[in-house]
Structure formats: structure tokens, C-alpha cells
N, C-alpha and C. Protein backbone atom coordinates (compact mmCIF):
# COMPACT_ATOMS: atom_id res chain seq x y z
N MET A 1 0.84 -1.19 0.00
CA MET A 1 0.00 0.00 0.00
C MET A 1 0.88 1.24 0.00
N SER A 2 0.52 2.19 -0.82
CA SER A 2 1.28 3.42 -0.94
C SER A 2 1.08 4.27 0.32
N THR A 3 2.16 4.97 0.71
CA THR A 3 2.05 5.86 1.87
C THR A 3 1.53 7.22 1.48
N GLN A 4 1.34 7.43 0.15
CA GLN A 4 0.82 8.71 -0.32
C GLN A 4 -0.68 8.79 -0.05
N THR A 5 -1.15 9.97 0.31
CA THR A 5 -2.57 10.18 0.50
C THR A 5 -3.27 10.10 -0.84
N GLN A 6 -4.43 9.49 -0.87
CA GLN A 6 -5.17 9.39 -2.12
C GLN A 6 -6.48 10.14 -2.01
N ASN A 7 -6.93 10.68 -3.16
CA ASN A 7 -8.21 11.37 -3.16
C ASN A 7 -9.31 10.38 -3.49
N SER A 8 -10.54 10.82 -3.62
CA SER A 8 -11.68 9.93 -3.83
C SER A 8 -11.60 9.12 -5.11
N SER A 9 -10.83 9.58 -6.11
CA SER A 9 -10.70 8.81 -7.35
C SER A 9 -9.58 7.79 -7.26
N GLY A 10 -8.89 7.74 -6.10
CA GLY A 10 -7.84 6.77 -5.91
C GLY A 10 -6.47 7.26 -6.34
N ASN A 11 -6.39 8.48 -6.85
CA ASN A 11 -5.12 9.04 -7.30
C ASN A 11 -4.50 9.91 -6.21
N ALA A 12 -3.19 9.99 -6.25
CA ALA A 12 -2.50 10.88 -5.33
C ALA A 12 -2.84 12.32 -5.72
N PRO A 13 -3.00 13.22 -4.73
CA PRO A 13 -3.30 14.61 -5.07
C PRO A 13 -2.14 15.22 -5.84
N PRO A 14 -2.43 16.14 -6.73
CA PRO A 14 -1.34 16.78 -7.48
C PRO A 14 -0.38 17.47 -6.54
N ALA A 15 0.90 17.40 -6.88
CA ALA A 15 1.93 18.03 -6.03
C ALA A 15 1.64 19.51 -5.85
N GLY A 16 1.10 20.16 -6.87
CA GLY A 16 0.79 21.59 -6.79
C GLY A 16 -0.19 21.91 -5.69
N LYS A 17 -1.22 21.06 -5.54
CA LYS A 17 -2.21 21.29 -4.48
C LYS A 17 -1.58 21.14 -3.10
N LYS A 18 -0.74 20.13 -2.96
CA LYS A 18 -0.07 19.88 -1.69
C LYS A 18 0.87 21.05 -1.36
N ALA A 19 1.60 21.50 -2.37
CA ALA A 19 2.53 22.61 -2.18
C ALA A 19 1.76 23.89 -1.82
N LYS A 20 0.66 24.15 -2.53
CA LYS A 20 -0.13 25.34 -2.26
C LYS A 20 -0.69 25.31 -0.84
N ALA A 21 -1.10 24.12 -0.40
CA ALA A 21 -1.62 23.98 0.97
C ALA A 21 -0.53 24.32 1.99
N GLY A 22 0.71 23.92 1.69
CA GLY A 22 1.82 24.24 2.58
C GLY A 22 2.10 25.73 2.64
N VAL A 23 2.05 26.38 1.48
CA VAL A 23 2.26 27.83 1.42
C VAL A 23 1.14 28.54 2.15
N THR A 24 -0.08 28.10 1.93
CA THR A 24 -1.24 28.70 2.60
C THR A 24 -1.10 28.60 4.11
N LYS A 25 -0.70 27.44 4.59
CA LYS A 25 -0.52 27.24 6.03
C LYS A 25 0.57 28.16 6.57
N ARG A 26 1.66 28.29 5.83
CA ARG A 26 2.77 29.16 6.25
C ARG A 26 2.30 30.61 6.31
N LEU A 27 1.58 31.07 5.26
CA LEU A 27 1.12 32.46 5.24
C LEU A 27 0.10 32.72 6.34
N GLN A 28 -0.77 31.78 6.62
CA GLN A 28 -1.74 31.94 7.71
C GLN A 28 -1.01 32.06 9.05
N SER A 29 0.02 31.25 9.22
CA SER A 29 0.81 31.29 10.45
C SER A 29 1.53 32.63 10.59
N GLU A 30 2.10 33.11 9.49
CA GLU A 30 2.81 34.39 9.53
C GLU A 30 1.85 35.55 9.80
N LEU A 31 0.67 35.48 9.23
CA LEU A 31 -0.34 36.52 9.47
C LEU A 31 -0.69 36.57 10.96
N MET A 32 -0.93 35.42 11.54
CA MET A 32 -1.28 35.36 12.96
C MET A 32 -0.14 35.90 13.82
N LYS A 33 1.09 35.51 13.51
CA LYS A 33 2.25 35.97 14.27
C LYS A 33 2.40 37.49 14.16
N LEU A 34 2.20 38.02 12.96
CA LEU A 34 2.30 39.46 12.74
C LEU A 34 1.22 40.20 13.52
N MET A 35 0.01 39.68 13.50
CA MET A 35 -1.10 40.32 14.22
C MET A 35 -0.87 40.27 15.73
N MET A 36 -0.28 39.19 16.21
CA MET A 36 -0.06 39.03 17.65
C MET A 36 1.16 39.83 18.14
N SER A 37 2.02 40.27 17.21
CA SER A 37 3.24 40.97 17.61
C SER A 37 2.93 42.30 18.29
N GLY A 38 1.81 42.91 17.94
CA GLY A 38 1.45 44.19 18.54
C GLY A 38 2.27 45.36 18.02
N ASN A 39 3.09 45.13 16.99
CA ASN A 39 3.92 46.20 16.42
C ASN A 39 3.06 47.03 15.48
N LYS A 40 2.68 48.23 15.92
CA LYS A 40 1.79 49.09 15.14
C LYS A 40 2.54 49.80 13.99
N ALA A 41 3.87 49.75 14.01
CA ALA A 41 4.66 50.42 12.98
C ALA A 41 4.73 49.61 11.69
N ILE A 42 4.41 48.32 11.77
CA ILE A 42 4.39 47.46 10.59
C ILE A 42 3.11 46.62 10.62
N THR A 43 2.35 46.67 9.55
CA THR A 43 1.15 45.85 9.46
C THR A 43 1.04 45.29 8.05
N ALA A 44 0.36 44.17 7.93
CA ALA A 44 0.09 43.58 6.62
C ALA A 44 -1.06 42.60 6.76
N PHE A 45 -1.94 42.62 5.75
CA PHE A 45 -3.10 41.74 5.74
C PHE A 45 -3.38 41.30 4.31
N PRO A 46 -3.96 40.11 4.16
CA PRO A 46 -4.33 39.67 2.80
C PRO A 46 -5.36 40.63 2.18
N ASP A 47 -5.28 40.74 0.86
CA ASP A 47 -6.28 41.50 0.10
C ASP A 47 -7.49 40.59 -0.08
N GLY A 48 -8.52 40.81 0.71
CA GLY A 48 -9.72 39.98 0.62
C GLY A 48 -9.42 38.53 0.92
N ASP A 49 -9.86 37.64 0.05
CA ASP A 49 -9.68 36.20 0.25
C ASP A 49 -8.39 35.67 -0.35
N ASN A 50 -7.62 36.51 -1.01
CA ASN A 50 -6.41 36.06 -1.68
C ASN A 50 -5.22 36.10 -0.72
N LEU A 51 -4.85 34.94 -0.21
CA LEU A 51 -3.76 34.86 0.75
C LEU A 51 -2.39 35.10 0.11
N PHE A 52 -2.32 35.10 -1.22
CA PHE A 52 -1.06 35.30 -1.92
C PHE A 52 -0.82 36.76 -2.30
N SER A 53 -1.75 37.64 -1.96
CA SER A 53 -1.63 39.07 -2.25
C SER A 53 -2.03 39.85 -0.99
N TRP A 54 -1.09 40.61 -0.44
CA TRP A 54 -1.32 41.36 0.79
C TRP A 54 -1.09 42.85 0.57
N SER A 55 -1.69 43.64 1.44
CA SER A 55 -1.40 45.07 1.54
C SER A 55 -0.72 45.28 2.89
N GLY A 56 0.34 46.07 2.87
CA GLY A 56 1.06 46.33 4.11
C GLY A 56 1.19 47.82 4.35
N ASN A 57 1.67 48.16 5.54
CA ASN A 57 1.88 49.55 5.90
C ASN A 57 3.10 49.67 6.79
N LEU A 58 3.93 50.68 6.49
CA LEU A 58 5.10 50.98 7.30
C LEU A 58 4.99 52.40 7.81
N LEU A 59 5.33 52.60 9.06
CA LEU A 59 5.44 53.95 9.60
C LEU A 59 6.91 54.29 9.70
N GLY A 60 7.28 55.48 9.25
CA GLY A 60 8.67 55.90 9.35
C GLY A 60 9.13 55.92 10.80
N ALA A 61 10.35 55.47 11.03
CA ALA A 61 10.89 55.36 12.39
C ALA A 61 11.18 56.73 12.98
N ASP A 62 10.96 56.85 14.28
CA ASP A 62 11.28 58.08 15.01
C ASP A 62 12.76 58.41 14.82
N GLY A 63 13.05 59.70 14.71
CA GLY A 63 14.43 60.13 14.59
C GLY A 63 15.00 60.03 13.18
N THR A 64 14.16 59.65 12.21
CA THR A 64 14.62 59.59 10.82
C THR A 64 13.87 60.64 10.01
N VAL A 65 14.29 60.86 8.78
CA VAL A 65 13.61 61.81 7.90
C VAL A 65 12.24 61.27 7.47
N TYR A 66 11.92 60.05 7.86
CA TYR A 66 10.62 59.45 7.53
C TYR A 66 9.66 59.43 8.73
N GLU A 67 10.09 59.99 9.85
CA GLU A 67 9.27 60.01 11.06
C GLU A 67 7.91 60.65 10.76
N GLY A 68 6.85 59.98 11.18
CA GLY A 68 5.50 60.50 11.01
C GLY A 68 4.88 60.21 9.66
N LEU A 69 5.63 59.61 8.74
CA LEU A 69 5.11 59.30 7.42
C LEU A 69 4.66 57.83 7.36
N SER A 70 3.63 57.58 6.58
CA SER A 70 3.06 56.24 6.46
C SER A 70 3.10 55.81 5.00
N TYR A 71 3.59 54.60 4.77
CA TYR A 71 3.74 54.09 3.41
C TYR A 71 2.99 52.78 3.23
N LYS A 72 2.17 52.74 2.19
CA LYS A 72 1.45 51.52 1.84
C LYS A 72 2.32 50.67 0.91
N LEU A 73 2.27 49.36 1.12
CA LEU A 73 3.05 48.41 0.34
C LEU A 73 2.14 47.36 -0.29
N SER A 74 2.61 46.76 -1.38
CA SER A 74 1.93 45.57 -1.90
C SER A 74 2.91 44.42 -1.76
N LEU A 75 2.38 43.28 -1.33
CA LEU A 75 3.18 42.07 -1.16
C LEU A 75 2.53 40.96 -1.98
N LYS A 76 3.29 40.37 -2.89
CA LYS A 76 2.81 39.27 -3.72
C LYS A 76 3.68 38.05 -3.44
N PHE A 77 3.04 36.97 -3.03
CA PHE A 77 3.77 35.76 -2.67
C PHE A 77 3.71 34.75 -3.81
N PRO A 78 4.86 34.20 -4.20
CA PRO A 78 4.88 33.20 -5.26
C PRO A 78 4.41 31.85 -4.73
N ALA A 79 4.04 30.96 -5.61
CA ALA A 79 3.60 29.62 -5.22
C ALA A 79 4.72 28.86 -4.52
N GLU A 80 5.97 29.28 -4.73
CA GLU A 80 7.13 28.59 -4.13
C GLU A 80 7.53 29.19 -2.78
N TYR A 81 6.76 30.17 -2.30
CA TYR A 81 7.08 30.79 -1.01
C TYR A 81 7.06 29.70 0.07
N PRO A 82 7.96 29.67 1.00
CA PRO A 82 9.00 30.63 1.35
C PRO A 82 10.35 30.37 0.67
N PHE A 83 10.39 29.45 -0.28
CA PHE A 83 11.66 29.15 -0.93
C PHE A 83 12.00 30.17 -2.01
N SER A 84 11.04 31.00 -2.39
CA SER A 84 11.25 32.14 -3.28
C SER A 84 10.72 33.38 -2.58
N ALA A 85 11.42 34.47 -2.77
CA ALA A 85 11.05 35.73 -2.11
C ALA A 85 9.75 36.30 -2.66
N PRO A 86 9.00 36.99 -1.81
CA PRO A 86 7.82 37.70 -2.31
C PRO A 86 8.26 38.94 -3.10
N THR A 87 7.35 39.45 -3.91
CA THR A 87 7.59 40.71 -4.62
C THR A 87 6.92 41.81 -3.80
N ILE A 88 7.71 42.74 -3.35
CA ILE A 88 7.19 43.82 -2.50
C ILE A 88 7.49 45.15 -3.17
N LYS A 89 6.48 46.00 -3.21
CA LYS A 89 6.62 47.33 -3.81
C LYS A 89 5.97 48.37 -2.91
N PHE A 90 6.49 49.58 -2.98
CA PHE A 90 5.84 50.71 -2.34
C PHE A 90 4.68 51.13 -3.22
N VAL A 91 3.48 51.22 -2.66
CA VAL A 91 2.32 51.74 -3.37
C VAL A 91 2.30 53.26 -3.20
N THR A 92 2.54 53.70 -1.97
CA THR A 92 2.70 55.13 -1.70
C THR A 92 4.06 55.52 -2.27
N PRO A 93 4.13 56.53 -3.12
CA PRO A 93 5.44 56.94 -3.63
C PRO A 93 6.40 57.22 -2.48
N CYS A 94 7.61 56.68 -2.60
CA CYS A 94 8.61 56.81 -1.54
C CYS A 94 9.91 57.35 -2.11
N PHE A 95 10.28 58.55 -1.68
CA PHE A 95 11.54 59.16 -2.09
C PHE A 95 12.64 58.55 -1.23
N HIS A 96 13.45 57.69 -1.83
CA HIS A 96 14.47 56.95 -1.07
C HIS A 96 15.54 56.46 -2.03
N PRO A 97 16.80 56.44 -1.59
CA PRO A 97 17.87 55.97 -2.47
C PRO A 97 17.65 54.56 -3.04
N ASN A 98 16.99 53.69 -2.30
CA ASN A 98 16.83 52.29 -2.72
C ASN A 98 15.43 51.95 -3.22
N VAL A 99 14.67 52.98 -3.59
CA VAL A 99 13.32 52.78 -4.13
C VAL A 99 13.20 53.61 -5.41
N ASP A 100 12.75 52.95 -6.50
CA ASP A 100 12.61 53.70 -7.75
C ASP A 100 11.22 54.34 -7.85
N THR A 101 10.99 55.06 -8.93
CA THR A 101 9.73 55.79 -9.10
C THR A 101 8.52 54.87 -9.28
N HIS A 102 8.76 53.58 -9.52
CA HIS A 102 7.66 52.61 -9.66
C HIS A 102 7.41 51.85 -8.36
N GLY A 103 8.15 52.17 -7.31
CA GLY A 103 7.97 51.50 -6.03
C GLY A 103 8.82 50.26 -5.85
N ASN A 104 9.64 49.92 -6.85
CA ASN A 104 10.54 48.76 -6.73
C ASN A 104 11.60 49.04 -5.68
N ILE A 105 11.98 48.00 -4.96
CA ILE A 105 12.90 48.14 -3.83
C ILE A 105 14.18 47.36 -4.10
N CYS A 106 15.31 47.99 -3.84
CA CYS A 106 16.60 47.31 -3.92
C CYS A 106 17.02 46.95 -2.50
N LEU A 107 16.79 45.70 -2.15
CA LEU A 107 17.15 45.20 -0.82
C LEU A 107 17.61 43.76 -1.00
N ASP A 108 18.84 43.47 -0.58
CA ASP A 108 19.43 42.16 -0.85
C ASP A 108 18.61 40.98 -0.32
N ILE A 109 17.93 41.15 0.82
CA ILE A 109 17.16 40.01 1.34
C ILE A 109 15.92 39.70 0.51
N LEU A 110 15.56 40.60 -0.40
CA LEU A 110 14.44 40.33 -1.31
C LEU A 110 14.95 39.78 -2.64
N LYS A 111 16.25 39.66 -2.76
CA LYS A 111 16.87 39.18 -4.00
C LYS A 111 17.81 38.03 -3.70
N GLU A 112 19.12 38.27 -3.90
CA GLU A 112 20.12 37.20 -3.81
C GLU A 112 20.36 36.69 -2.39
N LYS A 113 20.02 37.44 -1.37
CA LYS A 113 20.23 36.99 0.01
C LYS A 113 18.94 36.47 0.65
N TRP A 114 17.94 36.14 -0.16
CA TRP A 114 16.68 35.62 0.36
C TRP A 114 16.91 34.30 1.08
N SER A 115 16.18 34.10 2.15
CA SER A 115 16.21 32.85 2.91
C SER A 115 14.79 32.47 3.30
N ALA A 116 14.50 31.18 3.26
CA ALA A 116 13.18 30.69 3.67
C ALA A 116 12.93 30.96 5.15
N ALA A 117 13.98 31.30 5.89
CA ALA A 117 13.82 31.60 7.31
C ALA A 117 13.17 32.96 7.54
N TYR A 118 13.21 33.82 6.52
CA TYR A 118 12.59 35.14 6.67
C TYR A 118 11.07 35.02 6.68
N SER A 119 10.45 35.93 7.39
CA SER A 119 8.99 35.97 7.47
C SER A 119 8.52 37.35 7.02
N VAL A 120 7.23 37.50 6.88
CA VAL A 120 6.67 38.81 6.53
C VAL A 120 7.10 39.84 7.57
N GLU A 121 7.04 39.47 8.83
CA GLU A 121 7.43 40.40 9.89
C GLU A 121 8.90 40.81 9.75
N THR A 122 9.78 39.85 9.50
CA THR A 122 11.21 40.14 9.33
C THR A 122 11.43 41.10 8.17
N ILE A 123 10.73 40.85 7.06
CA ILE A 123 10.87 41.69 5.87
C ILE A 123 10.41 43.12 6.16
N LEU A 124 9.26 43.25 6.81
CA LEU A 124 8.73 44.59 7.10
C LEU A 124 9.64 45.35 8.06
N VAL A 125 10.18 44.67 9.05
CA VAL A 125 11.11 45.31 9.98
C VAL A 125 12.36 45.76 9.22
N SER A 126 12.84 44.92 8.30
CA SER A 126 14.02 45.28 7.50
C SER A 126 13.74 46.46 6.59
N LEU A 127 12.56 46.50 5.98
CA LEU A 127 12.20 47.63 5.12
C LEU A 127 12.10 48.92 5.93
N ARG A 128 11.54 48.83 7.10
CA ARG A 128 11.42 50.02 7.96
C ARG A 128 12.82 50.52 8.34
N SER A 129 13.71 49.59 8.63
CA SER A 129 15.08 49.94 8.96
C SER A 129 15.79 50.56 7.75
N LEU A 130 15.53 50.01 6.56
CA LEU A 130 16.13 50.53 5.32
C LEU A 130 15.76 51.99 5.10
N LEU A 131 14.56 52.39 5.50
CA LEU A 131 14.15 53.79 5.31
C LEU A 131 15.16 54.73 5.95
N GLY A 132 15.60 54.41 7.15
CA GLY A 132 16.52 55.29 7.86
C GLY A 132 17.98 54.99 7.60
N GLU A 133 18.26 53.83 6.99
CA GLU A 133 19.65 53.44 6.74
C GLU A 133 19.78 52.89 5.32
N PRO A 134 19.73 53.76 4.31
CA PRO A 134 19.80 53.28 2.93
C PRO A 134 21.17 52.73 2.57
N ASN A 135 21.21 51.93 1.52
CA ASN A 135 22.46 51.46 0.96
C ASN A 135 22.77 52.34 -0.25
N ASN A 136 23.55 53.38 -0.02
CA ASN A 136 23.86 54.33 -1.09
C ASN A 136 24.87 53.77 -2.10
N ASP A 137 25.40 52.57 -1.82
CA ASP A 137 26.31 51.94 -2.77
C ASP A 137 25.57 51.34 -3.96
N SER A 138 24.26 51.10 -3.81
CA SER A 138 23.48 50.54 -4.93
C SER A 138 22.13 51.23 -5.01
N PRO A 139 22.15 52.53 -5.36
CA PRO A 139 20.90 53.29 -5.38
C PRO A 139 20.06 53.02 -6.63
N LEU A 140 18.74 53.03 -6.44
CA LEU A 140 17.80 53.01 -7.57
C LEU A 140 17.41 54.46 -7.90
N ASN A 141 17.54 55.33 -6.91
CA ASN A 141 17.22 56.75 -7.08
C ASN A 141 18.50 57.53 -6.77
N SER A 142 19.24 57.90 -7.81
CA SER A 142 20.53 58.56 -7.61
C SER A 142 20.38 59.96 -6.99
N TYR A 143 19.29 60.66 -7.31
CA TYR A 143 19.05 61.98 -6.72
C TYR A 143 18.90 61.87 -5.20
N ALA A 144 18.11 60.91 -4.75
CA ALA A 144 17.94 60.70 -3.31
C ALA A 144 19.26 60.30 -2.67
N ALA A 145 20.03 59.47 -3.34
CA ALA A 145 21.33 59.04 -2.81
C ALA A 145 22.28 60.24 -2.66
N GLN A 146 22.28 61.14 -3.65
CA GLN A 146 23.15 62.32 -3.60
C GLN A 146 22.75 63.25 -2.45
N LEU A 147 21.46 63.37 -2.21
CA LEU A 147 20.97 64.27 -1.15
C LEU A 147 21.15 63.71 0.25
N TRP A 148 21.27 62.39 0.37
CA TRP A 148 21.22 61.72 1.68
C TRP A 148 22.17 62.32 2.71
N ASP A 149 23.37 62.69 2.32
CA ASP A 149 24.34 63.19 3.30
C ASP A 149 23.94 64.53 3.90
N ASN A 150 23.07 65.27 3.22
CA ASN A 150 22.57 66.53 3.76
C ASN A 150 21.14 66.28 4.26
N GLN A 151 21.02 65.80 5.50
CA GLN A 151 19.73 65.37 6.03
C GLN A 151 18.69 66.49 6.09
N GLU A 152 19.13 67.72 6.30
CA GLU A 152 18.19 68.84 6.35
C GLU A 152 17.54 69.05 4.98
N GLU A 153 18.36 69.06 3.94
CA GLU A 153 17.84 69.23 2.58
C GLU A 153 17.02 68.00 2.16
N TYR A 154 17.51 66.82 2.54
CA TYR A 154 16.80 65.58 2.21
C TYR A 154 15.41 65.59 2.83
N LEU A 155 15.34 65.99 4.10
CA LEU A 155 14.06 66.05 4.81
C LEU A 155 13.09 66.98 4.08
N ALA A 156 13.56 68.14 3.66
CA ALA A 156 12.70 69.11 2.96
C ALA A 156 12.16 68.53 1.65
N VAL A 157 13.04 67.92 0.87
CA VAL A 157 12.63 67.33 -0.41
C VAL A 157 11.68 66.15 -0.16
N ASN A 158 12.03 65.31 0.82
CA ASN A 158 11.19 64.15 1.14
C ASN A 158 9.78 64.58 1.57
N GLN A 159 9.71 65.57 2.44
CA GLN A 159 8.41 66.07 2.91
C GLN A 159 7.58 66.63 1.75
N GLN A 160 8.25 67.38 0.87
CA GLN A 160 7.56 67.96 -0.29
C GLN A 160 7.02 66.86 -1.21
N LYS A 161 7.85 65.87 -1.51
CA LYS A 161 7.43 64.79 -2.40
C LYS A 161 6.30 63.97 -1.77
N TYR A 162 6.36 63.78 -0.45
CA TYR A 162 5.31 63.03 0.25
C TYR A 162 3.98 63.79 0.17
N ARG A 163 4.04 65.12 0.40
CA ARG A 163 2.82 65.95 0.32
C ARG A 163 2.23 65.89 -1.10
N GLU A 164 3.10 66.01 -2.10
CA GLU A 164 2.64 65.95 -3.50
C GLU A 164 1.94 64.62 -3.78
N ALA A 165 2.53 63.53 -3.28
CA ALA A 165 1.94 62.20 -3.50
C ALA A 165 0.58 62.09 -2.80
N GLN A 166 0.49 62.65 -1.60
CA GLN A 166 -0.77 62.61 -0.85
C GLN A 166 -1.86 63.43 -1.54
N ASN A 167 -1.46 64.58 -2.09
CA ASN A 167 -2.42 65.45 -2.76
C ASN A 167 -2.89 64.90 -4.10
N SER A 168 -2.07 64.10 -4.75
CA SER A 168 -2.47 63.53 -6.04
C SER A 168 -3.21 62.22 -5.89
N ALA A 169 -3.25 61.69 -4.68
CA ALA A 169 -3.93 60.39 -4.46
C ALA A 169 -5.44 60.55 -4.38
């Protein structure tokens, strides 16, 4: 007798269904952990019934040029999650050295340094940290990278761009 589970037709369930069930269980677990964390600075929830598409929110950290600002994110999880990184973008325009005008993010843990050990919570905490500590060695926005060393000027430009984005929304 086979040790594989069989469905009502006597066939083993497709590997895709089994894999999707595993991803679903992982995402449900991560959602619960994130909700229980009590961290109001980072939030994320599925878009309706689609567990593979989430909306998130980051609050700029105190003491940074992003303090008091709120950024909406989109999170898309691949069928291979957690063995493949999710695609995360800023929905709210974000003036930052490592974020382009389309909301794409340059962060190594979302690319070549991805690990299945990372969770949604870990990613959001890392993104929030990135806001205040950009990697100017690999900027997607060279203007923001050039301004970064002058925090007073950067703050003024960042605030202006944030207001413009809010007014056009």
C-alpha cells in the first residue's frame, strides 16, 4: 500500500495542491504571528480572500527623515514561497535611495540573500530599517542618494514629495 494520501478517485493529489496547501498554512501562520506581535509600525493583511496578495503599511521610524510618514506596500507571494522571495513594492510613492519611481525596492534580502527563514514580519522590519539606513552603494534613485548626506535638505525634499503624492492620491 502506498504511503501517499489518495483522493476519492484513488489518485494521489497533485503536487501543486499539496505545495499550495503548505504555502497557505505558512502564510496563515505568519499573518497570525504578525497580528499578535502588537507592532503598530508594521502591518500587513491579505487582500480579501487572496492569501497570496497582501497590503502592508510601514510607519517611518522616530528620529529619521521618515518620522510621522506612512507608506502603503503591496506584497505578492509566489507559489514557491518561502523558498522564493515575495515581490514587495511601495504603493505610496517613496523618495528613497533604494526605491525607484515605480515602487521597486533594492534590498538584498528580497533578491540574492533571500532565505526561507525570513517571514513577513522580518521583511517589514528590514524595510522600515532601510528607510533610515539606505544602501547608497546601490541606489535606484541617484538623486535621493546624492541628497542623503545633507539630512536637512533631504528632509525638505522628502516632505515635499510626500505631500505631493498625498495630494495627487
